[in-house]
Amino acid sequence: MKSLGILIISIIIVLAVVFLVAVSNLADSMGPTYSQVELVYEKSNSKLYLKSKNWGVTGDSQLTVISTDNEPEFEADSTADIIFHGLSPFLYQVRKDSLILFVRKKAEIPNGFKTNWTIIQNEINNPEMMEYRTSPAYRRM
């Protein structure tokens, strides 16, 4: 009887450990994921960073910023970053020191966004956006 009690307690402990490990792994997988693209204008060595943060069970919530800060894990700063909400908010091209954005809706460029880059936002409609997505001339995050 005593050995049966020890066996049951051992099984409960093993199951509890397995459960805690599974919950911990699930919590880690539901945290945000970050990606970043560094743009460099070589004549002035000026840099811009296109950064995105995805979260949610299926990763379908996204925040994208254009920043001069190279920290890949970020919290958006509305005083210093150009902020876009939603999945794939823009396509872009780089020409020398100009970042040309093709957006559905222009984002505000805050006064604290200090860079040597010229930011050009072109609003386009959805059919144009879909057409541009298939062209290698336009990049996306």
Protein backbone atom coordinates (compact mmCIF):
# COMPACT_ATOMS: atom_id res chain seq x y z
CA MET A 1 0.00 0.00 0.00
CA LYS A 2 2.86 2.32 0.88
CA SER A 3 4.59 1.65 -2.47
CA LEU A 4 1.33 2.38 -4.33
CA GLY A 5 1.12 5.76 -2.59
CA ILE A 6 4.73 6.57 -3.54
CA LEU A 7 4.02 5.55 -7.14
CA ILE A 8 0.94 7.79 -7.34
CA ILE A 9 2.82 10.76 -5.83
CA SER A 10 5.72 10.19 -8.26
CA ILE A 11 3.32 10.13 -11.24
CA ILE A 12 1.63 13.33 -10.06
CA ILE A 13 5.01 15.06 -9.69
CA VAL A 14 6.13 13.95 -13.18
CA LEU A 15 2.82 15.11 -14.71
CA ALA A 16 3.07 18.45 -12.91
CA VAL A 17 6.61 19.01 -14.24
CA VAL A 18 5.53 18.09 -17.79
CA PHE A 19 2.56 20.44 -17.50
CA LEU A 20 4.72 23.34 -16.24
CA VAL A 21 7.27 22.86 -19.04
CA ALA A 22 4.47 22.80 -21.66
CA VAL A 23 2.87 25.97 -20.26
CA SER A 24 6.24 27.71 -20.17
CA ASN A 25 6.97 26.79 -23.81
CA LEU A 26 3.51 27.96 -24.87
CA ALA A 27 3.99 31.30 -23.10
CA ASP A 28 7.37 31.77 -24.81
CA SER A 29 5.92 31.02 -28.24
CA MET A 30 3.13 33.57 -27.75
CA GLY A 31 5.54 36.43 -27.03
CA PRO A 32 6.25 39.01 -29.71
CA THR A 33 8.65 38.39 -32.56
CA TYR A 34 10.77 41.17 -34.00
CA SER A 35 12.34 41.79 -37.39
CA GLN A 36 14.50 44.62 -38.62
CA VAL A 37 15.93 45.91 -41.90
CA GLU A 38 18.86 48.32 -41.82
CA LEU A 39 19.07 50.91 -44.61
CA VAL A 40 22.39 52.71 -45.11
CA TYR A 41 23.14 55.71 -47.28
CA GLU A 42 26.85 55.16 -47.75
CA LYS A 43 27.87 58.71 -48.72
CA SER A 44 26.86 60.04 -45.32
CA ASN A 45 26.81 56.71 -43.44
CA SER A 46 23.28 57.66 -42.38
CA LYS A 47 21.13 54.74 -41.22
CA LEU A 48 17.42 54.06 -40.94
CA TYR A 49 15.78 51.00 -39.45
CA LEU A 50 12.52 49.45 -40.59
CA LYS A 51 11.32 47.41 -37.64
CA SER A 52 8.27 45.27 -37.06
CA LYS A 53 6.81 43.60 -34.02
CA ASN A 54 4.31 40.74 -34.42
CA TRP A 55 2.28 39.18 -31.64
CA GLY A 56 -0.86 37.21 -30.98
CA VAL A 57 -1.72 33.53 -31.13
CA THR A 58 -1.29 33.48 -34.92
CA GLY A 59 1.09 36.45 -35.14
CA ASP A 60 -1.55 38.50 -36.90
CA SER A 61 -1.08 41.71 -34.92
CA GLN A 62 1.70 43.92 -36.24
CA LEU A 63 3.29 47.26 -35.49
CA THR A 64 5.90 48.64 -37.90
CA VAL A 65 8.12 51.64 -37.27
CA ILE A 66 10.74 53.58 -39.16
CA SER A 67 13.38 54.61 -36.68
CA THR A 68 16.89 55.93 -36.27
CA ASP A 69 17.37 53.67 -33.23
CA ASN A 70 18.94 50.29 -33.98
CA GLU A 71 17.44 48.40 -31.00
CA PRO A 72 15.60 45.44 -32.63
CA GLU A 73 13.21 44.83 -29.72
CA PHE A 74 11.28 48.04 -29.36
CA GLU A 75 8.30 49.87 -28.00
CA ALA A 76 7.05 52.45 -30.51
CA ASP A 77 7.90 56.03 -29.60
CA SER A 78 5.35 58.41 -31.15
CA THR A 79 7.72 61.34 -30.62
CA ALA A 80 10.66 59.83 -32.55
CA ASP A 81 9.36 56.99 -34.78
CA ILE A 82 7.15 56.90 -37.85
CA ILE A 83 4.49 54.39 -36.81
CA PHE A 84 2.35 52.11 -38.98
CA HIS A 85 -0.32 49.72 -37.73
CA GLY A 86 -1.50 46.53 -39.41
CA LEU A 87 0.03 43.75 -41.46
CA SER A 88 2.35 44.75 -44.33
CA PRO A 89 1.59 48.48 -44.06
CA PHE A 90 3.86 49.61 -46.88
CA LEU A 91 6.12 48.75 -49.79
CA TYR A 92 9.32 50.70 -50.23
CA GLN A 93 12.15 51.66 -52.50
CA VAL A 94 15.51 53.22 -51.64
CA ARG A 95 17.10 55.79 -53.92
CA LYS A 96 20.32 57.28 -52.57
CA ASP A 97 19.23 59.10 -49.38
CA SER A 98 15.49 58.82 -50.06
CA LEU A 99 13.14 56.23 -48.63
CA ILE A 100 10.09 56.08 -50.88
CA LEU A 101 7.06 54.48 -49.25
CA PHE A 102 3.93 53.22 -50.96
CA VAL A 103 1.20 53.22 -48.32
CA ARG A 104 -2.57 52.89 -48.05
CA LYS A 105 -2.58 55.75 -45.54
CA LYS A 106 0.22 58.19 -44.75
CA ALA A 107 1.72 58.12 -41.27
CA GLU A 108 2.61 61.19 -39.28
CA ILE A 109 6.30 62.08 -39.22
CA PRO A 110 6.93 63.37 -35.68
CA ASN A 111 9.07 66.43 -34.97
CA GLY A 112 11.48 64.24 -33.02
CA PHE A 113 12.27 62.09 -36.06
CA LYS A 114 15.73 63.39 -36.92
CA THR A 115 17.54 61.97 -39.94
CA ASN A 116 19.41 62.98 -43.09
CA TRP A 117 17.10 60.72 -45.09
CA THR A 118 14.23 62.11 -47.14
CA ILE A 119 10.99 60.22 -46.45
CA ILE A 120 8.44 60.28 -49.26
CA GLN A 121 5.02 58.72 -48.68
CA ASN A 122 2.86 57.91 -51.70
CA GLU A 123 -0.73 56.93 -50.97
CA ILE A 124 -1.97 54.25 -53.33
CA ASN A 125 -5.21 52.29 -53.51
CA ASN A 126 -5.54 48.56 -52.85
CA PRO A 127 -5.44 47.41 -56.52
CA GLU A 128 -2.18 49.34 -57.01
CA MET A 129 -0.75 47.88 -53.79
CA MET A 130 -1.57 44.35 -54.97
CA GLU A 131 0.04 45.05 -58.35
CA TYR A 132 3.19 46.53 -56.76
CA ARG A 133 3.55 43.50 -54.45
CA THR A 134 4.29 41.30 -57.46
CA SER A 135 7.02 43.58 -58.80
CA PRO A 136 10.64 43.06 -57.72
CA ALA A 137 11.11 46.85 -57.85
CA TYR A 138 9.25 47.23 -54.53
CA ARG A 139 10.36 45.69 -51.26
CA ARG A 140 8.35 44.90 -48.17
CA MET A 141 9.18 44.15 -44.56
